[in-house]
Amino acid sequence: MSQATCTHEIQIGAPDGAGAVELELRLAHLAPTTVGRGSDWFVEIPAPANLEEIEAVVRAWLDDLGEPSTTIRADGQVVVVESHRSPMRPARHYDFIG
């Protein structure tokens, strides 16, 4: 892991508690913690981590949730991560007939 991409004090915004727990599970190898403050939910990563790796996991998580974006706070900087999905495309496949 290069020094340029190694970050500390990472906090990732989540839309709700269930979404935060799902992200915590996806990042389990980094020992994250789900935190709820009022109606706000976050996943915090306590150890140094590769921000590029986290962004890739967060982007896939956003795609699966159908959320357009979230913020990652890392080392005093705010990074907005957007999903790959088009905002006009539904997140769930309710019309799928298997």
PDB file of N, CA and C in Angstrom:
ATOM      1  N   MET A   1       0.848  -1.169   0.000  1.00  0.00           N
ATOM      2  CA  MET A   1       0.000   0.000   0.000  1.00  0.00           C
ATOM      3  C   MET A   1       0.891   1.228   0.000  1.00  0.00           C
ATOM      4  N   SER A   2       0.708   2.126  -0.937  1.00  0.00           N
ATOM      5  CA  SER A   2       1.548   3.304  -1.023  1.00  0.00           C
ATOM      6  C   SER A   2       1.135   4.336   0.012  1.00  0.00           C
ATOM      7  N   GLN A   3       2.058   5.189   0.384  1.00  0.00           N
ATOM      8  CA  GLN A   3       1.783   6.221   1.382  1.00  0.00           C
ATOM      9  C   GLN A   3       0.720   7.187   0.878  1.00  0.00           C
ATOM     10  N   ALA A   4       0.665   7.452  -0.428  1.00  0.00           N
ATOM     11  CA  ALA A   4      -0.276   8.413  -0.994  1.00  0.00           C
ATOM     12  C   ALA A   4      -1.727   7.953  -0.851  1.00  0.00           C
ATOM     13  N   THR A   5      -1.972   6.674  -0.899  1.00  0.00           N
ATOM     14  CA  THR A   5      -3.358   6.198  -0.824  1.00  0.00           C
ATOM     15  C   THR A   5      -3.719   5.665   0.554  1.00  0.00           C
ATOM     16  N   CYS A   6      -2.781   5.647   1.487  1.00  0.00           N
ATOM     17  CA  CYS A   6      -3.038   5.141   2.831  1.00  0.00           C
ATOM     18  C   CYS A   6      -3.663   6.260   3.664  1.00  0.00           C
ATOM     19  N   THR A   7      -4.862   6.039   4.159  1.00  0.00           N
ATOM     20  CA  THR A   7      -5.546   7.070   4.929  1.00  0.00           C
ATOM     21  C   THR A   7      -5.955   6.536   6.286  1.00  0.00           C
ATOM     22  N   HIS A   8      -6.183   7.447   7.199  1.00  0.00           N
ATOM     23  CA  HIS A   8      -6.617   7.131   8.549  1.00  0.00           C
ATOM     24  C   HIS A   8      -7.939   7.861   8.805  1.00  0.00           C
ATOM     25  N   GLU A   9      -8.606   7.512   9.865  1.00  0.00           N
ATOM     26  CA  GLU A   9      -9.831   8.209  10.274  1.00  0.00           C
ATOM     27  C   GLU A   9     -10.837   8.298   9.128  1.00  0.00           C
ATOM     28  N   ILE A  10     -11.298   7.171   8.667  1.00  0.00           N
ATOM     29  CA  ILE A  10     -12.230   7.113   7.537  1.00  0.00           C
ATOM     30  C   ILE A  10     -13.645   6.964   8.058  1.00  0.00           C
ATOM     31  N   GLN A  11     -14.554   7.788   7.526  1.00  0.00           N
ATOM     32  CA  GLN A  11     -15.964   7.729   7.894  1.00  0.00           C
ATOM     33  C   GLN A  11     -16.784   7.785   6.610  1.00  0.00           C
ATOM     34  N   ILE A  12     -17.669   6.794   6.435  1.00  0.00           N
ATOM     35  CA  ILE A  12     -18.468   6.677   5.217  1.00  0.00           C
ATOM     36  C   ILE A  12     -19.937   6.856   5.580  1.00  0.00           C
ATOM     37  N   GLY A  13     -20.624   7.758   4.911  1.00  0.00           N
ATOM     38  CA  GLY A  13     -22.039   7.991   5.160  1.00  0.00           C
ATOM     39  C   GLY A  13     -22.894   6.858   4.624  1.00  0.00           C
ATOM     40  N   ALA A  14     -23.963   6.532   5.363  1.00  0.00           N
ATOM     41  CA  ALA A  14     -24.894   5.475   4.943  1.00  0.00           C
ATOM     42  C   ALA A  14     -26.316   6.026   5.005  1.00  0.00           C
ATOM     43  N   PRO A  15     -27.210   5.531   4.144  1.00  0.00           N
ATOM     44  CA  PRO A  15     -28.581   6.047   4.124  1.00  0.00           C
ATOM     45  C   PRO A  15     -29.406   5.634   5.344  1.00  0.00           C
ATOM     46  N   ASP A  16     -29.076   4.485   5.930  1.00  0.00           N
ATOM     47  CA  ASP A  16     -29.829   3.987   7.085  1.00  0.00           C
ATOM     48  C   ASP A  16     -29.004   2.917   7.799  1.00  0.00           C
ATOM     49  N   GLY A  17     -29.526   2.418   8.896  1.00  0.00           N
ATOM     50  CA  GLY A  17     -28.807   1.425   9.684  1.00  0.00           C
ATOM     51  C   GLY A  17     -28.554   0.134   8.938  1.00  0.00           C
ATOM     52  N   ALA A  18     -29.546  -0.343   8.204  1.00  0.00           N
ATOM     53  CA  ALA A  18     -29.378  -1.594   7.461  1.00  0.00           C
ATOM     54  C   ALA A  18     -28.307  -1.449   6.385  1.00  0.00           C
ATOM     55  N   GLY A  19     -28.297  -0.313   5.711  1.00  0.00           N
ATOM     56  CA  GLY A  19     -27.275  -0.071   4.699  1.00  0.00           C
ATOM     57  C   GLY A  19     -25.888   0.020   5.310  1.00  0.00           C
ATOM     58  N   ALA A  20     -25.790   0.633   6.488  1.00  0.00           N
ATOM     59  CA  ALA A  20     -24.510   0.748   7.183  1.00  0.00           C
ATOM     60  C   ALA A  20     -23.978  -0.629   7.573  1.00  0.00           C
ATOM     61  N   VAL A  21     -24.858  -1.477   8.085  1.00  0.00           N
ATOM     62  CA  VAL A  21     -24.433  -2.828   8.471  1.00  0.00           C
ATOM     63  C   VAL A  21     -23.986  -3.617   7.236  1.00  0.00           C
ATOM     64  N   GLU A  22     -24.682  -3.464   6.128  1.00  0.00           N
ATOM     65  CA  GLU A  22     -24.286  -4.145   4.887  1.00  0.00           C
ATOM     66  C   GLU A  22     -22.890  -3.707   4.454  1.00  0.00           C
ATOM     67  N   LEU A  23     -22.618  -2.400   4.518  1.00  0.00           N
ATOM     68  CA  LEU A  23     -21.292  -1.906   4.151  1.00  0.00           C
ATOM     69  C   LEU A  23     -20.235  -2.394   5.139  1.00  0.00           C
ATOM     70  N   GLU A  24     -20.582  -2.432   6.414  1.00  0.00           N
ATOM     71  CA  GLU A  24     -19.658  -2.951   7.424  1.00  0.00           C
ATOM     72  C   GLU A  24     -19.250  -4.389   7.103  1.00  0.00           C
ATOM     73  N   LEU A  25     -20.203  -5.196   6.669  1.00  0.00           N
ATOM     74  CA  LEU A  25     -19.910  -6.585   6.305  1.00  0.00           C
ATOM     75  C   LEU A  25     -18.989  -6.658   5.088  1.00  0.00           C
ATOM     76  N   ARG A  26     -19.202  -5.784   4.123  1.00  0.00           N
ATOM     77  CA  ARG A  26     -18.370  -5.796   2.916  1.00  0.00           C
ATOM     78  C   ARG A  26     -16.930  -5.356   3.208  1.00  0.00           C
ATOM     79  N   LEU A  27     -16.775  -4.542   4.248  1.00  0.00           N
ATOM     80  CA  LEU A  27     -15.451  -4.044   4.611  1.00  0.00           C
ATOM     81  C   LEU A  27     -14.904  -4.731   5.859  1.00  0.00           C
ATOM     82  N   ALA A  28     -15.422  -5.911   6.176  1.00  0.00           N
ATOM     83  CA  ALA A  28     -15.082  -6.606   7.426  1.00  0.00           C
ATOM     84  C   ALA A  28     -13.584  -6.795   7.625  1.00  0.00           C
ATOM     85  N   HIS A  29     -12.825  -6.972   6.564  1.00  0.00           N
ATOM     86  CA  HIS A  29     -11.384  -7.170   6.678  1.00  0.00           C
ATOM     87  C   HIS A  29     -10.649  -5.941   7.214  1.00  0.00           C
ATOM     88  N   LEU A  30     -11.346  -4.789   7.280  1.00  0.00           N
ATOM     89  CA  LEU A  30     -10.754  -3.551   7.802  1.00  0.00           C
ATOM     90  C   LEU A  30     -11.245  -3.223   9.218  1.00  0.00           C
ATOM     91  N   ALA A  31     -12.004  -4.137   9.822  1.00  0.00           N
ATOM     92  CA  ALA A  31     -12.538  -3.974  11.187  1.00  0.00           C
ATOM     93  C   ALA A  31     -13.354  -2.687  11.361  1.00  0.00           C
ATOM     94  N   PRO A  32     -14.355  -2.454  10.486  1.00  0.00           N
ATOM     95  CA  PRO A  32     -15.159  -1.244  10.595  1.00  0.00           C
ATOM     96  C   PRO A  32     -16.178  -1.336  11.733  1.00  0.00           C
ATOM     97  N   THR A  33     -16.761  -0.189  12.042  1.00  0.00           N
ATOM     98  CA  THR A  33     -17.803  -0.104  13.061  1.00  0.00           C
ATOM     99  C   THR A  33     -18.955   0.724  12.506  1.00  0.00           C
ATOM    100  N   THR A  34     -20.184   0.256  12.697  1.00  0.00           N
ATOM    101  CA  THR A  34     -21.361   1.030  12.324  1.00  0.00           C
ATOM    102  C   THR A  34     -21.716   1.955  13.474  1.00  0.00           C
ATOM    103  N   VAL A  35     -21.957   3.227  13.144  1.00  0.00           N
ATOM    104  CA  VAL A  35     -22.271   4.228  14.158  1.00  0.00           C
ATOM    105  C   VAL A  35     -23.540   4.959  13.749  1.00  0.00           C
ATOM    106  N   GLY A  36     -24.478   5.090  14.679  1.00  0.00           N
ATOM    107  CA  GLY A  36     -25.679   5.868  14.454  1.00  0.00           C
ATOM    108  C   GLY A  36     -25.689   7.071  15.385  1.00  0.00           C
ATOM    109  N   ARG A  37     -25.897   8.254  14.811  1.00  0.00           N
ATOM    110  CA  ARG A  37     -26.002   9.489  15.600  1.00  0.00           C
ATOM    111  C   ARG A  37     -27.296  10.169  15.188  1.00  0.00           C
ATOM    112  N   GLY A  38     -28.297  10.030  16.034  1.00  0.00           N
ATOM    113  CA  GLY A  38     -29.605  10.562  15.662  1.00  0.00           C
ATOM    114  C   GLY A  38     -30.123   9.795  14.462  1.00  0.00           C
ATOM    115  N   SER A  39     -30.430  10.507  13.392  1.00  0.00           N
ATOM    116  CA  SER A  39     -30.917   9.838  12.180  1.00  0.00           C
ATOM    117  C   SER A  39     -29.794   9.627  11.161  1.00  0.00           C
ATOM    118  N   ASP A  40     -28.558   9.973  11.520  1.00  0.00           N
ATOM    119  CA  ASP A  40     -27.413   9.799  10.618  1.00  0.00           C
ATOM    120  C   ASP A  40     -26.688   8.498  10.925  1.00  0.00           C
ATOM    121  N   TRP A  41     -26.271   7.806   9.872  1.00  0.00           N
ATOM    122  CA  TRP A  41     -25.555   6.533  10.000  1.00  0.00           C
ATOM    123  C   TRP A  41     -24.237   6.620   9.271  1.00  0.00           C
ATOM    124  N   PHE A  42     -23.197   6.012   9.868  1.00  0.00           N
ATOM    125  CA  PHE A  42     -21.855   6.024   9.309  1.00  0.00           C
ATOM    126  C   PHE A  42     -21.211   4.672   9.516  1.00  0.00           C
ATOM    127  N   VAL A  43     -20.207   4.407   8.697  1.00  0.00           N
ATOM    128  CA  VAL A  43     -19.314   3.275   8.917  1.00  0.00           C
ATOM    129  C   VAL A  43     -17.936   3.892   9.105  1.00  0.00           C
ATOM    130  N   GLU A  44     -17.316   3.590  10.241  1.00  0.00           N
ATOM    131  CA  GLU A  44     -15.999   4.137  10.545  1.00  0.00           C
ATOM    132  C   GLU A  44     -14.954   3.031  10.459  1.00  0.00           C
ATOM    133  N   ILE A  45     -13.808   3.370   9.855  1.00  0.00           N
ATOM    134  CA  ILE A  45     -12.702   2.428   9.725  1.00  0.00           C
ATOM    135  C   ILE A  45     -11.552   2.968  10.562  1.00  0.00           C
ATOM    136  N   PRO A  46     -11.135   2.213  11.586  1.00  0.00           N
ATOM    137  CA  PRO A  46     -10.157   2.720  12.544  1.00  0.00           C
ATOM    138  C   PRO A  46      -8.696   2.640  12.120  1.00  0.00           C
ATOM    139  N   ALA A  47      -8.369   1.800  11.170  1.00  0.00           N
ATOM    140  CA  ALA A  47      -6.967   1.555  10.833  1.00  0.00           C
ATOM    141  C   ALA A  47      -6.616   2.175   9.482  1.00  0.00           C
ATOM    142  N   PRO A  48      -5.351   2.290   9.190  1.00  0.00           N
ATOM    143  CA  PRO A  48      -4.952   2.768   7.863  1.00  0.00           C
ATOM    144  C   PRO A  48      -5.534   1.861   6.776  1.00  0.00           C
ATOM    145  N   ALA A  49      -5.974   2.469   5.698  1.00  0.00           N
ATOM    146  CA  ALA A  49      -6.579   1.700   4.614  1.00  0.00           C
ATOM    147  C   ALA A  49      -6.332   2.405   3.286  1.00  0.00           C
ATOM    148  N   ASN A  50      -6.492   1.666   2.220  1.00  0.00           N
ATOM    149  CA  ASN A  50      -6.333   2.178   0.872  1.00  0.00           C
ATOM    150  C   ASN A  50      -7.652   2.799   0.431  1.00  0.00           C
ATOM    151  N   LEU A  51      -7.648   4.105   0.228  1.00  0.00           N
ATOM    152  CA  LEU A  51      -8.872   4.824  -0.122  1.00  0.00           C
ATOM    153  C   LEU A  51      -9.448   4.368  -1.461  1.00  0.00           C
ATOM    154  N   GLU A  52      -8.606   4.034  -2.413  1.00  0.00           N
ATOM    155  CA  GLU A  52      -9.083   3.568  -3.726  1.00  0.00           C
ATOM    156  C   GLU A  52      -9.861   2.260  -3.583  1.00  0.00           C
ATOM    157  N   GLU A  53      -9.362   1.364  -2.743  1.00  0.00           N
ATOM    158  CA  GLU A  53     -10.059   0.100  -2.493  1.00  0.00           C
ATOM    159  C   GLU A  53     -11.417   0.362  -1.846  1.00  0.00           C
ATOM    160  N   ILE A  54     -11.429   1.243  -0.879  1.00  0.00           N
ATOM    161  CA  ILE A  54     -12.686   1.554  -0.185  1.00  0.00           C
ATOM    162  C   ILE A  54     -13.679   2.186  -1.143  1.00  0.00           C
ATOM    163  N   GLU A  55     -13.227   3.102  -1.996  1.00  0.00           N
ATOM    164  CA  GLU A  55     -14.119   3.727  -2.973  1.00  0.00           C
ATOM    165  C   GLU A  55     -14.747   2.684  -3.893  1.00  0.00           C
ATOM    166  N   ALA A  56     -13.992   1.703  -4.330  1.00  0.00           N
ATOM    167  CA  ALA A  56     -14.523   0.653  -5.205  1.00  0.00           C
ATOM    168  C   ALA A  56     -15.599  -0.166  -4.487  1.00  0.00           C
ATOM    169  N   VAL A  57     -15.355  -0.512  -3.232  1.00  0.00           N
ATOM    170  CA  VAL A  57     -16.351  -1.267  -2.458  1.00  0.00           C
ATOM    171  C   VAL A  57     -17.588  -0.417  -2.232  1.00  0.00           C
ATOM    172  N   VAL A  58     -17.406   0.846  -1.906  1.00  0.00           N
ATOM    173  CA  VAL A  58     -18.536   1.751  -1.657  1.00  0.00           C
ATOM    174  C   VAL A  58     -19.353   1.943  -2.930  1.00  0.00           C
ATOM    175  N   ARG A  59     -18.694   2.080  -4.067  1.00  0.00           N
ATOM    176  CA  ARG A  59     -19.419   2.265  -5.336  1.00  0.00           C
ATOM    177  C   ARG A  59     -20.289   1.037  -5.650  1.00  0.00           C
ATOM    178  N   ALA A  60     -19.772  -0.160  -5.449  1.00  0.00           N
ATOM    179  CA  ALA A  60     -20.556  -1.384  -5.673  1.00  0.00           C
ATOM    180  C   ALA A  60     -21.710  -1.456  -4.682  1.00  0.00           C
ATOM    181  N   TRP A  61     -21.471  -1.059  -3.430  1.00  0.00           N
ATOM    182  CA  TRP A  61     -22.510  -1.034  -2.397  1.00  0.00           C
ATOM    183  C   TRP A  61     -23.619  -0.059  -2.795  1.00  0.00           C
ATOM    184  N   LEU A  62     -23.251   1.127  -3.281  1.00  0.00           N
ATOM    185  CA  LEU A  62     -24.246   2.105  -3.736  1.00  0.00           C
ATOM    186  C   LEU A  62     -25.071   1.542  -4.890  1.00  0.00           C
ATOM    187  N   ASP A  63     -24.398   0.877  -5.829  1.00  0.00           N
ATOM    188  CA  ASP A  63     -25.104   0.262  -6.964  1.00  0.00           C
ATOM    189  C   ASP A  63     -26.147  -0.734  -6.465  1.00  0.00           C
ATOM    190  N   ASP A  64     -25.755  -1.580  -5.518  1.00  0.00           N
ATOM    191  CA  ASP A  64     -26.666  -2.604  -5.007  1.00  0.00           C
ATOM    192  C   ASP A  64     -27.823  -1.997  -4.218  1.00  0.00           C
ATOM    193  N   LEU A  65     -27.574  -0.902  -3.495  1.00  0.00           N
ATOM    194  CA  LEU A  65     -28.631  -0.250  -2.730  1.00  0.00           C
ATOM    195  C   LEU A  65     -29.535   0.618  -3.595  1.00  0.00           C
ATOM    196  N   GLY A  66     -29.029   1.033  -4.754  1.00  0.00           N
ATOM    197  CA  GLY A  66     -29.786   1.947  -5.601  1.00  0.00           C
ATOM    198  C   GLY A  66     -29.648   3.391  -5.150  1.00  0.00           C
ATOM    199  N   GLU A  67     -28.619   3.680  -4.372  1.00  0.00           N
ATOM    200  CA  GLU A  67     -28.360   5.042  -3.900  1.00  0.00           C
ATOM    201  C   GLU A  67     -27.465   5.758  -4.911  1.00  0.00           C
ATOM    202  N   PRO A  68     -27.705   7.050  -5.152  1.00  0.00           N
ATOM    203  CA  PRO A  68     -26.905   7.755  -6.150  1.00  0.00           C
ATOM    204  C   PRO A  68     -25.487   8.093  -5.699  1.00  0.00           C
ATOM    205  N   SER A  69     -25.293   8.424  -4.414  1.00  0.00           N
ATOM    206  CA  SER A  69     -23.963   8.814  -3.952  1.00  0.00           C
ATOM    207  C   SER A  69     -23.885   8.821  -2.429  1.00  0.00           C
ATOM    208  N   THR A  70     -22.665   8.947  -1.931  1.00  0.00           N
ATOM    209  CA  THR A  70     -22.416   9.123  -0.504  1.00  0.00           C
ATOM    210  C   THR A  70     -21.095   9.851  -0.356  1.00  0.00           C
ATOM    211  N   THR A  71     -20.761  10.206   0.878  1.00  0.00           N
ATOM    212  CA  THR A  71     -19.497  10.883   1.128  1.00  0.00           C
ATOM    213  C   THR A  71     -18.580  10.018   1.984  1.00  0.00           C
ATOM    214  N   ILE A  72     -17.305  10.146   1.710  1.00  0.00           N
ATOM    215  CA  ILE A  72     -16.274   9.514   2.526  1.00  0.00           C
ATOM    216  C   ILE A  72     -15.425  10.648   3.085  1.00  0.00           C
ATOM    217  N   ARG A  73     -15.309  10.675   4.388  1.00  0.00           N
ATOM    218  CA  ARG A  73     -14.425  11.635   5.041  1.00  0.00           C
ATOM    219  C   ARG A  73     -13.156  10.883   5.431  1.00  0.00           C
ATOM    220  N   ALA A  74     -12.018  11.351   4.904  1.00  0.00           N
ATOM    221  CA  ALA A  74     -10.749  10.670   5.154  1.00  0.00           C
ATOM    222  C   ALA A  74      -9.655  11.710   5.354  1.00  0.00           C
ATOM    223  N   ASP A  75      -9.026  11.659   6.498  1.00  0.00           N
ATOM    224  CA  ASP A  75      -7.924  12.571   6.814  1.00  0.00           C
ATOM    225  C   ASP A  75      -8.300  14.034   6.586  1.00  0.00           C
ATOM    226  N   GLY A  76      -9.495  14.414   6.976  1.00  0.00           N
ATOM    227  CA  GLY A  76      -9.932  15.801   6.855  1.00  0.00           C
ATOM    228  C   GLY A  76     -10.464  16.199   5.497  1.00  0.00           C
ATOM    229  N   GLN A  77     -10.438  15.304   4.536  1.00  0.00           N
ATOM    230  CA  GLN A  77     -10.963  15.593   3.197  1.00  0.00           C
ATOM    231  C   GLN A  77     -12.306  14.908   3.010  1.00  0.00           C
ATOM    232  N   VAL A  78     -13.150  15.491   2.163  1.00  0.00           N
ATOM    233  CA  VAL A  78     -14.435  14.895   1.839  1.00  0.00           C
ATOM    234  C   VAL A  78     -14.401  14.471   0.379  1.00  0.00           C
ATOM    235  N   VAL A  79     -14.690  13.186   0.156  1.00  0.00           N
ATOM    236  CA  VAL A  79     -14.725  12.629  -1.191  1.00  0.00           C
ATOM    237  C   VAL A  79     -16.156  12.171  -1.460  1.00  0.00           C
ATOM    238  N   VAL A  80     -16.737  12.624  -2.565  1.00  0.00           N
ATOM    239  CA  VAL A  80     -18.068  12.176  -2.956  1.00  0.00           C
ATOM    240  C   VAL A  80     -17.904  10.992  -3.902  1.00  0.00           C
ATOM    241  N   VAL A  81     -18.540   9.879  -3.544  1.00  0.00           N
ATOM    242  CA  VAL A  81     -18.493   8.676  -4.367  1.00  0.00           C
ATOM    243  C   VAL A  81     -19.866   8.491  -4.985  1.00  0.00           C
ATOM    244  N   GLU A  82     -19.907   8.380  -6.306  1.00  0.00           N
ATOM    245  CA  GLU A  82     -21.173   8.203  -7.014  1.00  0.00           C
ATOM    246  C   GLU A  82     -21.279   6.778  -7.538  1.00  0.00           C
ATOM    247  N   SER A  83     -22.512   6.283  -7.588  1.00  0.00           N
ATOM    248  CA  SER A  83     -22.739   4.937  -8.104  1.00  0.00           C
ATOM    249  C   SER A  83     -22.559   4.929  -9.618  1.00  0.00           C
ATOM    250  N   HIS A  84     -22.455   3.739 -10.173  1.00  0.00           N
ATOM    251  CA  HIS A  84     -22.356   3.583 -11.624  1.00  0.00           C
ATOM    252  C   HIS A  84     -23.722   3.637 -12.280  1.00  0.00           C
ATOM    253  N   ARG A  85     -24.759   3.431 -11.503  1.00  0.00           N
ATOM    254  CA  ARG A  85     -26.113   3.383 -12.069  1.00  0.00           C
ATOM    255  C   ARG A  85     -26.592   4.769 -12.474  1.00  0.00           C
ATOM    256  N   SER A  86     -27.377   4.803 -13.515  1.00  0.00           N
ATOM    257  CA  SER A  86     -28.014   6.037 -13.933  1.00  0.00           C
ATOM    258  C   SER A  86     -29.106   6.382 -12.924  1.00  0.00           C
ATOM    259  N   PRO A  87     -29.260   7.662 -12.564  1.00  0.00           N
ATOM    260  CA  PRO A  87     -30.299   8.019 -11.604  1.00  0.00           C
ATOM    261  C   PRO A  87     -31.713   7.693 -12.090  1.00  0.00           C
ATOM    262  N   MET A  88     -31.884   7.554 -13.395  1.00  0.00           N
ATOM    263  CA  MET A  88     -33.212   7.277 -13.945  1.00  0.00           C
ATOM    264  C   MET A  88     -33.540   5.789 -13.929  1.00  0.00           C
ATOM    265  N   ARG A  89     -32.547   4.943 -13.743  1.00  0.00           N
ATOM    266  CA  ARG A  89     -32.739   3.497 -13.788  1.00  0.00           C
ATOM    267  C   ARG A  89     -33.128   2.973 -12.409  1.00  0.00           C
ATOM    268  N   PRO A  90     -34.177   2.191 -12.320  1.00  0.00           N
ATOM    269  CA  PRO A  90     -34.558   1.667 -11.014  1.00  0.00           C
ATOM    270  C   PRO A  90     -33.503   0.730 -10.446  1.00  0.00           C
ATOM    271  N   ALA A  91     -33.344   0.757  -9.146  1.00  0.00           N
ATOM    272  CA  ALA A  91     -32.335  -0.062  -8.481  1.00  0.00           C
ATOM    273  C   ALA A  91     -32.762  -1.518  -8.354  1.00  0.00           C
ATOM    274  N   ARG A  92     -34.024  -1.751  -8.201  1.00  0.00           N
ATOM    275  CA  ARG A  92     -34.537  -3.109  -8.012  1.00  0.00           C
ATOM    276  C   ARG A  92     -35.154  -3.608  -9.321  1.00  0.00           C
ATOM    277  N   HIS A  93     -35.182  -4.899  -9.494  1.00  0.00           N
ATOM    278  CA  HIS A  93     -35.727  -5.480 -10.727  1.00  0.00           C
ATOM    279  C   HIS A  93     -37.089  -6.110 -10.441  1.00  0.00           C
ATOM    280  N   TYR A  94     -38.034  -5.242 -10.098  1.00  0.00           N
ATOM    281  CA  TYR A  94     -39.368  -5.722  -9.766  1.00  0.00           C
ATOM    282  C   TYR A  94     -40.105  -6.303 -10.968  1.00  0.00           C
ATOM    283  N   ASP A  95     -39.696  -5.868 -12.166  1.00  0.00           N
ATOM    284  CA  ASP A  95     -40.369  -6.346 -13.371  1.00  0.00           C
ATOM    285  C   ASP A  95     -39.766  -7.652 -13.916  1.00  0.00           C
ATOM    286  N   PHE A  96     -38.752  -8.175 -13.258  1.00  0.00           N
ATOM    287  CA  PHE A  96     -38.103  -9.395 -13.727  1.00  0.00           C
ATOM    288  C   PHE A  96     -39.025 -10.606 -13.533  1.00  0.00           C
ATOM    289  N   ILE A  97     -39.173 -11.353 -14.582  1.00  0.00           N
ATOM    290  CA  ILE A  97     -39.954 -12.581 -14.518  1.00  0.00           C
ATOM    291  C   ILE A  97     -39.002 -13.715 -14.854  1.00  0.00           C
ATOM    292  N   GLY A  98     -38.715 -14.566 -13.837  1.00  0.00           N
ATOM    293  CA  GLY A  98     -37.715 -15.614 -14.016  1.00  0.00           C
ATOM    294  C   GLY A  98     -38.350 -16.835 -14.479  1.00  0.00           C
TER     295      GLY A  98
END
